[in-house]
Amino acid sequence: MIRGIGPVLCAWMLAVGLLLAWSPRVVAVGLFAVACFSIILSWVSVRQPPVPRFHVAWAVALFIAYACLTALWSAVPGEAREQVAQFIAVFGPALFFFQVLLSARLDPQGLARRSLMIGLALGIALFSLELLADQPLYRLTRGLDFSVTLGANSINRPAALCALFVWPLAFALWQQGWRKSAIALPLVLTALILGSSSQSASGGLLVGLGFLAIAALSRRAACYLAGGIMIVGFLFMVPIATLFDAVGLAEVEGLPFSIGHRVMIWDFVADRVMERPIFGWGLEASRGMNNFGVAPPVLFDGTVELLPLHPHNAFLQVWLELGGVGAILALVMALMILRTIRGLPQTAQLFAYPLLICGFFMSGTAYGSWQTWWMTGFLTAAALFIIVLRSAPEPATGRVGGDG
C-alpha cells in the first residue's frame, strides 16, 4: 500500500461524482491532479518513478507519438501544436498513474471501492436531477434562469460520461455482492438517457447492454465480436462511409437530421482521406477542411457544413488526420486493450466489454477523438475500473455465464 494514496483516490472519486453532472470538463483537471499526486506519492514511497511497464502503455505511447509527429505536416500547424501539448499533458501523467494503480495494493479495507460507489452513485443521481428538472445545478452555477434555452452539449456531455462511468460502478456493486443492482443500474440509466437529446449516449448504453448479455453467455464471443468491430472500423470505415452515401442513406425520408448529416460528413471525409491515404493530412487538419454542401430536401432545406470541426467518427478522424499508418497503430492499440481484457478475471470481463464498446460507439458517432474532456473521460473510466479490480479479489462465485 502506497502511503497516502488512499485518501487522495477517495477525495478524487467523490469530487468526480459531485462535479460530473454539471461541470464535465472538470474531469480533465481531476484526472491530471490525481495522477500527479499519485505519481509523487508512489515515487516517494518506493523511491523510483512508476515507469509504465504494461503492454498497452507502449501501444498507446506509440500511437500518440505518431499522432504528434503528423503535426509537422498538418494543414493547421497552430492547432496541431496545441494538440501535441494536450496529448503530453493528458497521456503522460495518465500512463504513469495507471502503472501506480496496477502495481500497488490499493485498498485492503475496501475504502476506495466504497468511495467510488458513493461518488459515482452521487454523480448519476445528480445527472438524473439535471435531466429531469431542466438542469438546475448547471443554471445555478452559471447564473442562468430557466427562461434561457441551454445548448444540447450542456446535457449531452454529462450523459456521455455517465454512460462510461456506469460500468465501473456496476462492477463495484457486483463485487460488493449487490448483483441485481449491478444489472439494474445500466438499465435504469439507459431508460433515463433515452429520453434526452444525447443519441450517442443512448446508443452507447444500448450497445453496452447488448455486450453485457453476450459476455454473460460467452466471454470469448464478446471478445471476438469486439475485435471484429475494431477491425472493421479501423480498416473499412472509409469504404463504408462512401457506401452509405452511394445507397442514398441521407435521403431516406423520416431519418433524423443528425444521422443524415453524419452520412454527408462521412462521405466528404472519405473523399479527403483518399487524397492522402498513407500519412493523412496531419493532426487537427479536420479543423481547417470545412466546406458546405446542399442537403437532400427530405433532410434539410438549404446547405449544411460538411466537416464541422471534426468528422464525428473516430475511425474516420484517424484516417483523415493520421492516414493508414495511424489507423494501423490505432487498431493495434485497440486489440492490445482487448487482449488485456481477455486476461482479466471473469467478473471483470463481464463489465469491461460493455465499457469499451460503449465508449467506441460514442467515439464513432459523436465526439472528436482529441477533445480533452472526452479523452480524459475515457481514461478516468479506465482508472475507476482498475481501482475496482485492484481493491477486491475476484470472488470464488464470480464466474457467471459461458466460457472464458
Protein backbone atom coordinates (compact mmCIF):
# COMPACT_ATOMS: atom_id res chain seq x y z
CA MET A 1 0.00 0.00 0.00
CA ILE A 2 1.48 3.36 -1.06
CA ARG A 3 1.35 5.68 1.93
CA GLY A 4 -1.20 8.47 1.50
CA ILE A 5 -2.65 7.31 -1.80
CA GLY A 6 -5.94 6.06 -0.30
CA PRO A 7 -7.24 9.48 0.81
CA VAL A 8 -6.13 11.02 -2.50
CA LEU A 9 -8.06 8.46 -4.54
CA CYS A 10 -11.12 8.71 -2.29
CA ALA A 11 -11.21 12.51 -2.50
CA TRP A 12 -10.83 12.37 -6.27
CA MET A 13 -13.65 9.86 -6.76
CA LEU A 14 -16.03 11.82 -4.55
CA ALA A 15 -15.16 15.02 -6.43
CA VAL A 16 -15.78 13.33 -9.79
CA GLY A 17 -19.26 12.35 -8.64
CA LEU A 18 -20.05 15.79 -7.29
CA LEU A 19 -18.97 17.65 -10.45
CA LEU A 20 -19.89 15.13 -13.13
CA ALA A 21 -23.47 16.25 -13.78
CA TRP A 22 -22.92 19.97 -14.23
CA SER A 23 -19.22 20.50 -14.98
CA PRO A 24 -17.91 17.54 -17.01
CA ARG A 25 -14.84 19.42 -18.25
CA VAL A 26 -13.51 19.47 -14.68
CA VAL A 27 -12.99 15.71 -15.05
CA ALA A 28 -9.85 16.54 -17.05
CA VAL A 29 -8.47 18.68 -14.24
CA GLY A 30 -9.30 15.98 -11.69
CA LEU A 31 -7.50 13.26 -13.64
CA PHE A 32 -4.39 15.42 -14.05
CA ALA A 33 -4.35 16.31 -10.34
CA VAL A 34 -4.88 12.78 -9.00
CA ALA A 35 -2.32 11.40 -11.46
CA CYS A 36 0.33 13.90 -10.37
CA PHE A 37 -0.32 13.35 -6.65
CA SER A 38 -0.31 9.56 -7.08
CA ILE A 39 2.92 9.58 -9.08
CA ILE A 40 4.66 11.68 -6.43
CA LEU A 41 3.39 9.51 -3.57
CA SER A 42 4.47 6.34 -5.36
CA TRP A 43 7.89 7.77 -6.19
CA VAL A 44 8.46 8.83 -2.59
CA SER A 45 7.17 5.51 -1.22
CA VAL A 46 9.15 3.09 -3.40
CA ARG A 47 11.97 5.51 -4.28
CA GLN A 48 11.71 5.07 -8.01
CA PRO A 49 9.36 6.53 -10.65
CA PRO A 50 6.36 4.39 -11.65
CA VAL A 51 7.51 3.89 -15.24
CA PRO A 52 4.71 2.22 -17.27
CA ARG A 53 5.53 -1.43 -17.88
CA PHE A 54 2.18 -2.77 -19.06
CA HIS A 55 1.97 -3.60 -22.77
CA VAL A 56 -0.99 -1.36 -23.58
CA ALA A 57 1.00 1.66 -22.40
CA TRP A 58 3.57 1.13 -25.14
CA ALA A 59 0.90 0.74 -27.80
CA VAL A 60 -0.78 3.95 -26.62
CA ALA A 61 2.56 5.78 -26.44
CA LEU A 62 3.47 4.70 -29.98
CA PHE A 63 0.12 5.87 -31.36
CA ILE A 64 0.33 9.22 -29.55
CA ALA A 65 3.95 9.72 -30.66
CA TYR A 66 2.99 9.18 -34.29
CA ALA A 67 -0.02 11.49 -33.93
CA CYS A 68 2.32 14.18 -32.58
CA LEU A 69 4.71 13.59 -35.48
CA THR A 70 1.95 14.33 -38.01
CA ALA A 71 1.75 17.85 -36.61
CA LEU A 72 4.81 18.53 -38.79
CA TRP A 73 2.66 18.39 -41.95
CA SER A 74 -0.68 19.45 -40.51
CA ALA A 75 -2.84 21.82 -42.54
CA VAL A 76 -3.42 23.79 -39.30
CA PRO A 77 0.01 23.88 -37.59
CA GLY A 78 -1.04 26.19 -34.75
CA GLU A 79 -3.90 23.97 -33.63
CA ALA A 80 -1.71 20.90 -34.14
CA ARG A 81 0.97 22.23 -31.79
CA GLU A 82 -1.67 22.95 -29.15
CA GLN A 83 -2.98 19.40 -29.51
CA VAL A 84 0.51 17.95 -29.10
CA ALA A 85 0.81 19.82 -25.80
CA GLN A 86 -2.59 18.46 -24.73
CA PHE A 87 -1.57 14.90 -25.61
CA ILE A 88 1.53 15.23 -23.44
CA ALA A 89 -0.44 16.75 -20.55
CA VAL A 90 -3.17 14.09 -20.72
CA PHE A 91 -1.42 10.84 -21.60
CA GLY A 92 1.92 11.46 -19.88
CA PRO A 93 0.56 11.58 -16.31
CA ALA A 94 -2.26 9.13 -17.09
CA LEU A 95 0.01 6.27 -18.18
CA PHE A 96 2.23 6.69 -15.11
CA PHE A 97 -0.93 6.87 -12.96
CA PHE A 98 -2.17 3.59 -14.42
CA GLN A 99 1.16 1.99 -13.53
CA VAL A 100 0.69 3.16 -9.93
CA LEU A 101 -2.80 1.65 -9.84
CA LEU A 102 -1.65 -1.63 -11.35
CA SER A 103 1.43 -2.11 -9.20
CA ALA A 104 0.19 -1.18 -5.73
CA ARG A 105 -2.22 -2.83 -3.34
CA LEU A 106 -4.72 -0.02 -3.20
CA ASP A 107 -7.39 -0.80 -0.71
CA PRO A 108 -7.11 -3.57 1.87
CA GLN A 109 -10.09 -2.18 3.83
CA GLY A 110 -12.34 -1.54 0.80
CA LEU A 111 -12.46 2.24 1.40
CA ALA A 112 -11.60 3.16 -2.20
CA ARG A 113 -14.30 0.88 -3.58
CA ARG A 114 -16.89 2.36 -1.23
CA SER A 115 -15.79 5.89 -2.11
CA LEU A 116 -16.13 5.03 -5.78
CA MET A 117 -19.64 3.70 -5.26
CA ILE A 118 -20.68 6.75 -3.24
CA GLY A 119 -19.08 9.20 -5.67
CA LEU A 120 -20.40 7.69 -8.88
CA ALA A 121 -23.85 6.99 -7.41
CA LEU A 122 -23.98 10.65 -6.37
CA GLY A 123 -22.89 11.70 -9.85
CA ILE A 124 -25.53 9.64 -11.62
CA ALA A 125 -28.20 10.81 -9.15
CA LEU A 126 -27.28 14.46 -9.76
CA PHE A 127 -27.27 13.83 -13.51
CA SER A 128 -30.78 12.36 -13.22
CA LEU A 129 -31.86 15.51 -11.38
CA GLU A 130 -30.33 17.69 -14.10
CA LEU A 131 -32.01 15.67 -16.83
CA LEU A 132 -35.47 15.61 -15.26
CA ALA A 133 -35.56 19.15 -13.82
CA ASP A 134 -34.08 21.17 -16.71
CA GLN A 135 -30.55 21.35 -15.30
CA PRO A 136 -30.95 23.42 -12.12
CA LEU A 137 -27.33 22.91 -10.99
CA TYR A 138 -25.92 23.96 -14.35
CA ARG A 139 -28.08 27.08 -14.33
CA LEU A 140 -27.31 27.93 -10.71
CA THR A 141 -23.54 27.68 -11.14
CA ARG A 142 -23.62 29.88 -14.25
CA GLY A 143 -26.20 32.44 -13.18
CA LEU A 144 -28.79 31.39 -15.77
CA ASP A 145 -32.52 31.39 -15.11
CA PHE A 146 -34.99 28.89 -16.51
CA SER A 147 -36.06 31.21 -19.33
CA VAL A 148 -32.69 30.63 -21.03
CA THR A 149 -32.58 27.77 -23.53
CA LEU A 150 -29.46 25.69 -23.00
CA GLY A 151 -27.38 24.11 -25.74
CA ALA A 152 -27.52 20.35 -26.19
CA ASN A 153 -23.88 19.87 -25.13
CA SER A 154 -24.70 21.03 -21.60
CA ILE A 155 -26.55 17.75 -21.01
CA ASN A 156 -25.03 15.56 -23.74
CA ARG A 157 -21.52 15.65 -22.28
CA PRO A 158 -22.58 14.59 -18.77
CA ALA A 159 -24.75 11.91 -20.39
CA ALA A 160 -21.75 10.55 -22.29
CA LEU A 161 -19.60 10.45 -19.16
CA CYS A 162 -22.36 8.75 -17.16
CA ALA A 163 -22.64 6.18 -19.96
CA LEU A 164 -18.95 5.38 -19.37
CA PHE A 165 -18.82 5.60 -15.59
CA VAL A 166 -21.87 3.40 -15.04
CA TRP A 167 -19.82 0.30 -15.90
CA PRO A 168 -17.13 0.69 -13.20
CA LEU A 169 -19.94 1.44 -10.75
CA ALA A 170 -21.86 -1.66 -11.81
CA PHE A 171 -18.66 -3.70 -11.45
CA ALA A 172 -18.16 -2.34 -7.93
CA LEU A 173 -21.74 -3.16 -6.98
CA TRP A 174 -21.25 -6.70 -8.26
CA GLN A 175 -18.04 -7.09 -6.28
CA GLN A 176 -19.90 -5.84 -3.22
CA GLY A 177 -22.43 -8.64 -3.68
CA TRP A 178 -25.29 -6.43 -4.95
CA ARG A 179 -25.67 -8.22 -8.24
CA LYS A 180 -29.25 -7.31 -9.05
CA SER A 181 -28.39 -3.65 -8.53
CA ALA A 182 -25.32 -4.06 -10.75
CA ILE A 183 -27.51 -5.24 -13.63
CA ALA A 184 -30.39 -2.85 -12.94
CA LEU A 185 -28.22 0.28 -12.81
CA PRO A 186 -27.24 0.48 -16.51
CA LEU A 187 -30.79 -0.48 -17.47
CA VAL A 188 -32.26 2.40 -15.45
CA LEU A 189 -29.66 4.86 -16.74
CA THR A 190 -30.39 3.80 -20.32
CA ALA A 191 -34.11 4.38 -19.81
CA LEU A 192 -33.36 7.87 -18.47
CA ILE A 193 -30.96 8.86 -21.24
CA LEU A 194 -33.24 7.54 -23.98
CA GLY A 195 -35.49 10.47 -23.11
CA SER A 196 -32.67 13.00 -23.51
CA SER A 197 -31.12 14.67 -26.55
CA SER A 198 -27.99 12.50 -26.34
CA GLN A 199 -28.46 9.95 -29.08
CA SER A 200 -24.84 8.83 -28.86
CA ALA A 201 -25.04 8.07 -25.12
CA SER A 202 -28.35 6.25 -25.66
CA GLY A 203 -26.86 4.17 -28.45
CA GLY A 204 -23.68 3.51 -26.50
CA LEU A 205 -25.60 2.25 -23.49
CA LEU A 206 -27.83 0.03 -25.64
CA VAL A 207 -24.78 -1.48 -27.33
CA GLY A 208 -23.13 -1.85 -23.93
CA LEU A 209 -26.15 -3.70 -22.58
CA GLY A 210 -26.01 -5.97 -25.61
CA PHE A 211 -22.38 -6.79 -24.87
CA LEU A 212 -23.22 -7.34 -21.21
CA ALA A 213 -25.69 -10.02 -22.30
CA ILE A 214 -23.22 -11.54 -24.77
CA ALA A 215 -20.42 -11.60 -22.19
CA ALA A 216 -22.73 -13.24 -19.66
CA LEU A 217 -23.24 -16.06 -22.15
CA SER A 218 -19.69 -16.26 -23.51
CA ARG A 219 -16.68 -14.10 -22.73
CA ARG A 220 -14.95 -15.50 -25.81
CA ALA A 221 -17.81 -14.46 -28.09
CA ALA A 222 -17.79 -10.95 -26.63
CA CYS A 223 -14.04 -10.68 -27.21
CA TYR A 224 -14.20 -11.92 -30.81
CA LEU A 225 -17.17 -9.72 -31.65
CA ALA A 226 -15.49 -6.66 -30.15
CA GLY A 227 -12.32 -7.46 -32.07
CA GLY A 228 -14.29 -7.80 -35.28
CA ILE A 229 -15.87 -4.39 -34.72
CA MET A 230 -12.43 -2.82 -34.17
CA ILE A 231 -11.02 -4.42 -37.32
CA VAL A 232 -13.97 -3.38 -39.48
CA GLY A 233 -13.98 0.13 -38.04
CA PHE A 234 -10.29 0.91 -38.41
CA LEU A 235 -9.75 -0.88 -41.73
CA PHE A 236 -13.02 -0.46 -43.62
CA MET A 237 -14.78 2.67 -42.33
CA VAL A 238 -13.71 4.71 -45.36
CA PRO A 239 -15.44 2.49 -47.97
CA ILE A 240 -18.38 2.02 -45.60
CA ALA A 241 -18.81 5.81 -45.44
CA THR A 242 -18.77 6.00 -49.23
CA LEU A 243 -21.30 3.17 -49.43
CA PHE A 244 -23.69 4.92 -47.03
CA ASP A 245 -23.81 7.92 -49.36
CA ALA A 246 -23.95 5.82 -52.54
CA VAL A 247 -27.10 3.99 -51.42
CA GLY A 248 -28.77 7.31 -50.56
CA LEU A 249 -28.97 6.83 -46.81
CA ALA A 250 -29.05 10.60 -46.23
CA GLU A 251 -32.12 10.86 -48.46
CA VAL A 252 -34.26 8.41 -46.52
CA GLU A 253 -37.47 10.18 -45.55
CA GLY A 254 -38.04 10.45 -41.81
CA LEU A 255 -34.36 9.94 -40.96
CA PRO A 256 -33.25 12.16 -38.05
CA PHE A 257 -31.28 15.17 -39.25
CA SER A 258 -28.23 14.27 -37.15
CA ILE A 259 -27.91 10.87 -38.85
CA GLY A 260 -28.42 12.21 -42.36
CA HIS A 261 -25.94 14.99 -41.70
CA ARG A 262 -23.34 12.50 -40.50
CA VAL A 263 -23.72 10.49 -43.71
CA MET A 264 -22.88 13.65 -45.67
CA ILE A 265 -19.96 14.47 -43.37
CA TRP A 266 -18.55 10.96 -43.57
CA ASP A 267 -18.74 10.84 -47.38
CA PHE A 268 -16.93 14.19 -47.61
CA VAL A 269 -14.25 12.95 -45.21
CA ALA A 270 -13.85 9.66 -47.11
CA ASP A 271 -13.10 11.63 -50.28
CA ARG A 272 -10.46 13.70 -48.47
CA VAL A 273 -8.91 10.55 -46.99
CA MET A 274 -8.31 9.13 -50.45
CA GLU A 275 -6.28 12.21 -51.38
CA ARG A 276 -3.68 11.39 -48.68
CA PRO A 277 -4.33 7.79 -47.62
CA ILE A 278 -0.91 6.86 -46.20
CA PHE A 279 0.15 9.57 -43.75
CA GLY A 280 -3.00 11.69 -43.67
CA TRP A 281 -3.44 15.45 -43.60
CA GLY A 282 -1.83 15.87 -40.19
CA LEU A 283 -3.03 16.31 -36.63
CA GLU A 284 -6.13 18.54 -36.23
CA ALA A 285 -6.41 19.01 -40.01
CA SER A 286 -10.16 18.41 -39.66
CA ARG A 287 -10.48 21.94 -38.27
CA GLY A 288 -9.19 23.50 -41.48
CA MET A 289 -11.08 21.49 -44.09
CA ASN A 290 -14.70 22.55 -43.68
CA ASN A 291 -16.94 23.03 -46.70
CA PHE A 292 -20.64 23.36 -47.41
CA GLY A 293 -22.99 21.14 -49.37
CA VAL A 294 -26.63 21.16 -50.36
CA ALA A 295 -28.64 18.85 -48.15
CA PRO A 296 -31.24 16.48 -49.62
CA PRO A 297 -34.69 18.15 -49.45
CA VAL A 298 -36.05 15.40 -47.20
CA LEU A 299 -33.26 16.14 -44.72
CA PHE A 300 -32.95 19.93 -44.69
CA ASP A 301 -33.87 22.87 -46.90
CA GLY A 302 -30.54 24.57 -47.56
CA THR A 303 -26.81 23.97 -47.12
CA VAL A 304 -25.01 22.21 -44.28
CA GLU A 305 -21.42 22.07 -43.07
CA LEU A 306 -19.58 19.06 -44.44
CA LEU A 307 -16.86 19.00 -41.78
CA PRO A 308 -17.82 20.95 -38.64
CA LEU A 309 -14.59 20.81 -36.57
CA HIS A 310 -14.29 17.01 -36.67
CA PRO A 311 -15.82 14.06 -38.57
CA HIS A 312 -17.98 12.83 -35.64
CA ASN A 313 -16.38 9.44 -36.17
CA ALA A 314 -13.13 8.35 -34.52
CA PHE A 315 -12.24 5.84 -37.24
CA LEU A 316 -12.56 8.45 -39.99
CA GLN A 317 -10.80 11.13 -37.96
CA VAL A 318 -7.80 8.84 -37.54
CA TRP A 319 -7.76 8.09 -41.27
CA LEU A 320 -8.18 11.74 -42.26
CA GLU A 321 -5.54 13.20 -39.96
CA LEU A 322 -3.12 10.30 -39.38
CA GLY A 323 -3.67 8.21 -42.52
CA GLY A 324 -3.43 4.46 -42.89
CA VAL A 325 -0.34 4.36 -40.68
CA GLY A 326 -2.33 5.92 -37.84
CA ALA A 327 -5.26 3.57 -38.46
CA ILE A 328 -3.00 0.52 -38.17
CA LEU A 329 -1.41 1.83 -34.96
CA ALA A 330 -4.85 2.62 -33.53
CA LEU A 331 -6.06 -0.88 -34.40
CA VAL A 332 -3.03 -2.45 -32.70
CA MET A 333 -3.74 -0.33 -29.62
CA ALA A 334 -7.40 -1.38 -29.58
CA LEU A 335 -6.55 -5.06 -29.98
CA MET A 336 -3.96 -4.81 -27.20
CA ILE A 337 -6.67 -3.42 -24.93
CA LEU A 338 -8.92 -6.32 -25.89
CA ARG A 339 -6.15 -8.80 -25.19
CA THR A 340 -5.72 -7.24 -21.75
CA ILE A 341 -9.46 -7.51 -21.06
CA ARG A 342 -9.35 -11.15 -22.17
CA GLY A 343 -6.86 -11.85 -19.38
CA LEU A 344 -8.95 -10.26 -16.62
CA PRO A 345 -10.95 -12.26 -14.06
CA GLN A 346 -14.33 -13.47 -15.27
CA THR A 347 -16.46 -10.88 -13.47
CA ALA A 348 -14.23 -8.03 -14.62
CA GLN A 349 -14.65 -9.10 -18.24
CA LEU A 350 -18.41 -9.03 -17.80
CA PHE A 351 -18.31 -5.24 -17.34
CA ALA A 352 -15.12 -4.38 -19.24
CA TYR A 353 -16.50 -5.31 -22.66
CA PRO A 354 -19.59 -3.08 -22.28
CA LEU A 355 -17.41 -0.18 -21.12
CA LEU A 356 -15.06 -0.49 -24.08
CA ILE A 357 -17.74 -0.92 -26.74
CA CYS A 358 -19.98 1.78 -25.26
CA GLY A 359 -17.06 4.20 -25.48
CA PHE A 360 -16.15 3.20 -29.02
CA PHE A 361 -19.75 3.57 -30.16
CA MET A 362 -19.90 7.13 -28.85
CA SER A 363 -16.49 7.89 -30.36
CA GLY A 364 -17.72 6.54 -33.68
CA THR A 365 -20.90 8.60 -33.82
CA ALA A 366 -20.46 11.87 -31.96
CA TYR A 367 -17.33 13.30 -30.41
CA GLY A 368 -13.98 14.48 -31.68
CA SER A 369 -11.27 11.99 -30.83
CA TRP A 370 -8.96 14.65 -29.40
CA GLN A 371 -11.46 16.59 -27.29
CA THR A 372 -9.80 16.85 -23.87
CA TRP A 373 -12.93 16.20 -21.82
CA TRP A 374 -13.64 13.07 -23.90
CA MET A 375 -10.10 11.64 -23.79
CA THR A 376 -9.89 12.21 -20.04
CA GLY A 377 -13.40 10.83 -19.56
CA PHE A 378 -12.38 7.56 -21.21
CA LEU A 379 -9.13 7.44 -19.23
CA THR A 380 -10.98 8.23 -15.99
CA ALA A 381 -13.43 5.39 -16.63
CA ALA A 382 -10.49 3.02 -17.19
CA ALA A 383 -8.80 4.21 -13.98
CA LEU A 384 -12.00 3.74 -11.99
CA PHE A 385 -12.36 0.24 -13.41
CA ILE A 386 -8.79 -0.61 -12.39
CA ILE A 387 -9.45 0.69 -8.87
CA VAL A 388 -12.43 -1.66 -8.51
CA LEU A 389 -10.37 -4.51 -9.92
CA ARG A 390 -7.41 -3.89 -7.63
CA SER A 391 -9.39 -3.13 -4.47
CA ALA A 392 -11.07 -6.52 -4.18
CA PRO A 393 -10.12 -10.07 -5.14
CA GLU A 394 -12.21 -12.00 -7.63
CA PRO A 395 -14.83 -13.80 -5.57
CA ALA A 396 -14.97 -17.55 -5.76
CA THR A 397 -18.52 -17.35 -7.09
CA GLY A 398 -17.63 -14.64 -9.59
CA ARG A 399 -17.88 -16.81 -12.70
CA VAL A 400 -21.11 -16.07 -14.49
CA GLY A 401 -22.35 -17.41 -17.77
CA GLY A 402 -20.36 -19.03 -20.50
CA ASP A 403 -16.80 -19.83 -21.43
CA GLY A 404 -13.71 -17.80 -20.74
